[in-house]
Amino acid sequence: MVVTGADRGKSGKVLRVLTAKDRVIVEGINRVWKHVRPSQRYPQGGRIQKDAPIHLSNVMPLDPATGKGTRVKAEVKDGVKHRVAVKTGTDLGRTGKK
C-alpha cells in the first residue's frame, strides 16, 4: 500500500525490490511514459508506460486480517525471524532468504 505521493492509498503486488537503492517496483503504481525508438523489440517505437521505482519508506505491507496498511515488527519463533503486524499480531511470513 502506498502511503504518500500521487498514488496514495493505492495498493498492488511488489514486482521487484531494489535493495541497493532502497526502492520497490509495485504493479500499477508510479506509472511513467517512456519514449522508445523503433527497434526489434518495439518495431513501431513511440511511447510506452512502465512502472517506475518508489522509495521503500513510501510503502507499507497490507494486513491480511484488516486489508489496511500496517507497521511491522519482528518476532523470533522457533529460532526463525517472522514479520508480524503491529495492530492485529497477524504473522506476515518469515524474513530473509530460505
C-alpha atoms as a PDB file:
ATOM      1  CA  MET A   1       0.000   0.000   0.000  1.00  0.00           C
ATOM      2  CA  VAL A   2       1.316   3.442  -0.948  1.00  0.00           C
ATOM      3  CA  VAL A   3       1.481   5.859   1.985  1.00  0.00           C
ATOM      4  CA  THR A   4       2.307   9.137   0.247  1.00  0.00           C
ATOM      5  CA  GLY A   5       2.627  10.670  -3.197  1.00  0.00           C
ATOM      6  CA  ALA A   6       0.400  10.817  -6.275  1.00  0.00           C
ATOM      7  CA  ASP A   7      -0.708   7.176  -5.872  1.00  0.00           C
ATOM      8  CA  ARG A   8      -1.515   7.491  -2.155  1.00  0.00           C
ATOM      9  CA  GLY A   9      -3.993   4.889  -0.906  1.00  0.00           C
ATOM     10  CA  LYS A  10      -3.489   2.518  -3.849  1.00  0.00           C
ATOM     11  CA  SER A  11      -2.081  -0.964  -3.441  1.00  0.00           C
ATOM     12  CA  GLY A  12      -0.542  -3.545  -5.724  1.00  0.00           C
ATOM     13  CA  LYS A  13       1.779  -6.503  -5.994  1.00  0.00           C
ATOM     14  CA  VAL A  14       5.501  -5.904  -5.455  1.00  0.00           C
ATOM     15  CA  LEU A  15       7.280  -6.892  -8.672  1.00  0.00           C
ATOM     16  CA  ARG A  16      10.907  -6.164  -7.719  1.00  0.00           C
ATOM     17  CA  VAL A  17      12.867  -4.993  -4.702  1.00  0.00           C
ATOM     18  CA  LEU A  18      15.936  -2.868  -5.428  1.00  0.00           C
ATOM     19  CA  THR A  19      17.844  -3.299  -2.165  1.00  0.00           C
ATOM     20  CA  ALA A  20      20.867  -1.217  -3.191  1.00  0.00           C
ATOM     21  CA  LYS A  21      18.691   1.863  -3.743  1.00  0.00           C
ATOM     22  CA  ASP A  22      16.013   1.150  -1.069  1.00  0.00           C
ATOM     23  CA  ARG A  23      13.259   1.131  -3.689  1.00  0.00           C
ATOM     24  CA  VAL A  24      10.471  -1.193  -4.839  1.00  0.00           C
ATOM     25  CA  ILE A  25       8.561  -1.543  -8.097  1.00  0.00           C
ATOM     26  CA  VAL A  26       4.841  -2.029  -7.448  1.00  0.00           C
ATOM     27  CA  GLU A  27       2.454  -3.190 -10.166  1.00  0.00           C
ATOM     28  CA  GLY A  28       0.293  -0.300 -11.441  1.00  0.00           C
ATOM     29  CA  ILE A  29       1.911   2.298  -9.151  1.00  0.00           C
ATOM     30  CA  ASN A  30       4.058   5.279 -10.226  1.00  0.00           C
ATOM     31  CA  ARG A  31       3.371   4.752 -13.945  1.00  0.00           C
ATOM     32  CA  VAL A  32       5.582   6.830 -16.252  1.00  0.00           C
ATOM     33  CA  TRP A  33       5.806   7.280 -20.010  1.00  0.00           C
ATOM     34  CA  LYS A  34       8.987   6.109 -21.704  1.00  0.00           C
ATOM     35  CA  HIS A  35       9.782   7.264 -25.231  1.00  0.00           C
ATOM     36  CA  VAL A  36      11.376   4.493 -27.292  1.00  0.00           C
ATOM     37  CA  ARG A  37      12.942   4.444 -30.718  1.00  0.00           C
ATOM     38  CA  PRO A  38      11.889   1.794 -33.211  1.00  0.00           C
ATOM     39  CA  SER A  39      13.846  -1.410 -32.606  1.00  0.00           C
ATOM     40  CA  GLN A  40      13.354  -5.153 -32.974  1.00  0.00           C
ATOM     41  CA  ARG A  41      11.643  -5.238 -29.602  1.00  0.00           C
ATOM     42  CA  TYR A  42       9.430  -2.186 -30.337  1.00  0.00           C
ATOM     43  CA  PRO A  43       9.078  -2.041 -34.143  1.00  0.00           C
ATOM     44  CA  GLN A  44       6.644   0.914 -34.013  1.00  0.00           C
ATOM     45  CA  GLY A  45       8.558   2.891 -31.405  1.00  0.00           C
ATOM     46  CA  GLY A  46       6.537   5.616 -29.685  1.00  0.00           C
ATOM     47  CA  ARG A  47       5.541   5.913 -26.037  1.00  0.00           C
ATOM     48  CA  ILE A  48       5.112   3.025 -23.621  1.00  0.00           C
ATOM     49  CA  GLN A  49       4.017   3.070 -19.996  1.00  0.00           C
ATOM     50  CA  LYS A  50       6.112   1.371 -17.342  1.00  0.00           C
ATOM     51  CA  ASP A  51       6.164   1.119 -13.557  1.00  0.00           C
ATOM     52  CA  ALA A  52       8.893   3.276 -12.001  1.00  0.00           C
ATOM     53  CA  PRO A  53      10.527   2.543  -8.628  1.00  0.00           C
ATOM     54  CA  ILE A  54       9.134   4.131  -5.470  1.00  0.00           C
ATOM     55  CA  HIS A  55      11.090   4.625  -2.246  1.00  0.00           C
ATOM     56  CA  LEU A  56      10.683   1.948   0.410  1.00  0.00           C
ATOM     57  CA  SER A  57       9.616   4.485   3.040  1.00  0.00           C
ATOM     58  CA  ASN A  58       6.546   5.378   0.955  1.00  0.00           C
ATOM     59  CA  VAL A  59       5.028   1.874   1.031  1.00  0.00           C
ATOM     60  CA  MET A  60       3.794  -0.428   3.787  1.00  0.00           C
ATOM     61  CA  PRO A  61       2.561  -4.028   3.730  1.00  0.00           C
ATOM     62  CA  LEU A  62      -1.149  -4.855   3.882  1.00  0.00           C
ATOM     63  CA  ASP A  63      -2.508  -6.653   6.918  1.00  0.00           C
ATOM     64  CA  PRO A  64      -4.453  -9.708   5.662  1.00  0.00           C
ATOM     65  CA  ALA A  65      -6.821  -9.507   8.652  1.00  0.00           C
ATOM     66  CA  THR A  66      -7.971  -5.917   8.042  1.00  0.00           C
ATOM     67  CA  GLY A  67      -6.955  -5.201   4.427  1.00  0.00           C
ATOM     68  CA  LYS A  68      -5.288  -1.961   5.532  1.00  0.00           C
ATOM     69  CA  GLY A  69      -1.644  -0.890   5.706  1.00  0.00           C
ATOM     70  CA  THR A  70       0.216  -1.843   8.859  1.00  0.00           C
ATOM     71  CA  ARG A  71       3.524  -1.278  10.552  1.00  0.00           C
ATOM     72  CA  VAL A  72       5.659  -4.365  11.058  1.00  0.00           C
ATOM     73  CA  LYS A  73       7.650  -5.697  13.989  1.00  0.00           C
ATOM     74  CA  ALA A  74       9.971  -8.681  14.115  1.00  0.00           C
ATOM     75  CA  GLU A  75       9.471 -11.672  16.402  1.00  0.00           C
ATOM     76  CA  VAL A  76      11.523 -14.834  16.726  1.00  0.00           C
ATOM     77  CA  LYS A  77       9.510 -18.072  16.678  1.00  0.00           C
ATOM     78  CA  ASP A  78      11.340 -21.406  16.908  1.00  0.00           C
ATOM     79  CA  GLY A  79      14.621 -19.718  16.024  1.00  0.00           C
ATOM     80  CA  VAL A  80      13.212 -18.144  12.833  1.00  0.00           C
ATOM     81  CA  LYS A  81      12.553 -14.419  12.477  1.00  0.00           C
ATOM     82  CA  HIS A  82       8.987 -13.550  11.374  1.00  0.00           C
ATOM     83  CA  ARG A  83       7.315 -10.279  10.375  1.00  0.00           C
ATOM     84  CA  VAL A  84       4.232  -9.557  12.492  1.00  0.00           C
ATOM     85  CA  ALA A  85       1.561  -6.855  12.007  1.00  0.00           C
ATOM     86  CA  VAL A  86       1.679  -4.390  14.910  1.00  0.00           C
ATOM     87  CA  LYS A  87      -2.076  -3.778  15.339  1.00  0.00           C
ATOM     88  CA  THR A  88      -3.512  -7.278  14.909  1.00  0.00           C
ATOM     89  CA  GLY A  89      -0.498  -9.523  15.571  1.00  0.00           C
ATOM     90  CA  THR A  90      -1.042 -11.395  12.275  1.00  0.00           C
ATOM     91  CA  ASP A  91       2.016 -13.287  11.016  1.00  0.00           C
ATOM     92  CA  LEU A  92       3.140 -11.874   7.641  1.00  0.00           C
ATOM     93  CA  GLY A  93       5.748 -14.566   6.970  1.00  0.00           C
ATOM     94  CA  ARG A  94       9.391 -15.144   7.662  1.00  0.00           C
ATOM     95  CA  THR A  95      12.120 -12.669   6.840  1.00  0.00           C
ATOM     96  CA  GLY A  96      15.338 -13.249   4.966  1.00  0.00           C
ATOM     97  CA  LYS A  97      16.231 -15.939   2.488  1.00  0.00           C
ATOM     98  CA  LYS A  98      15.173 -19.553   2.712  1.00  0.00           C
END
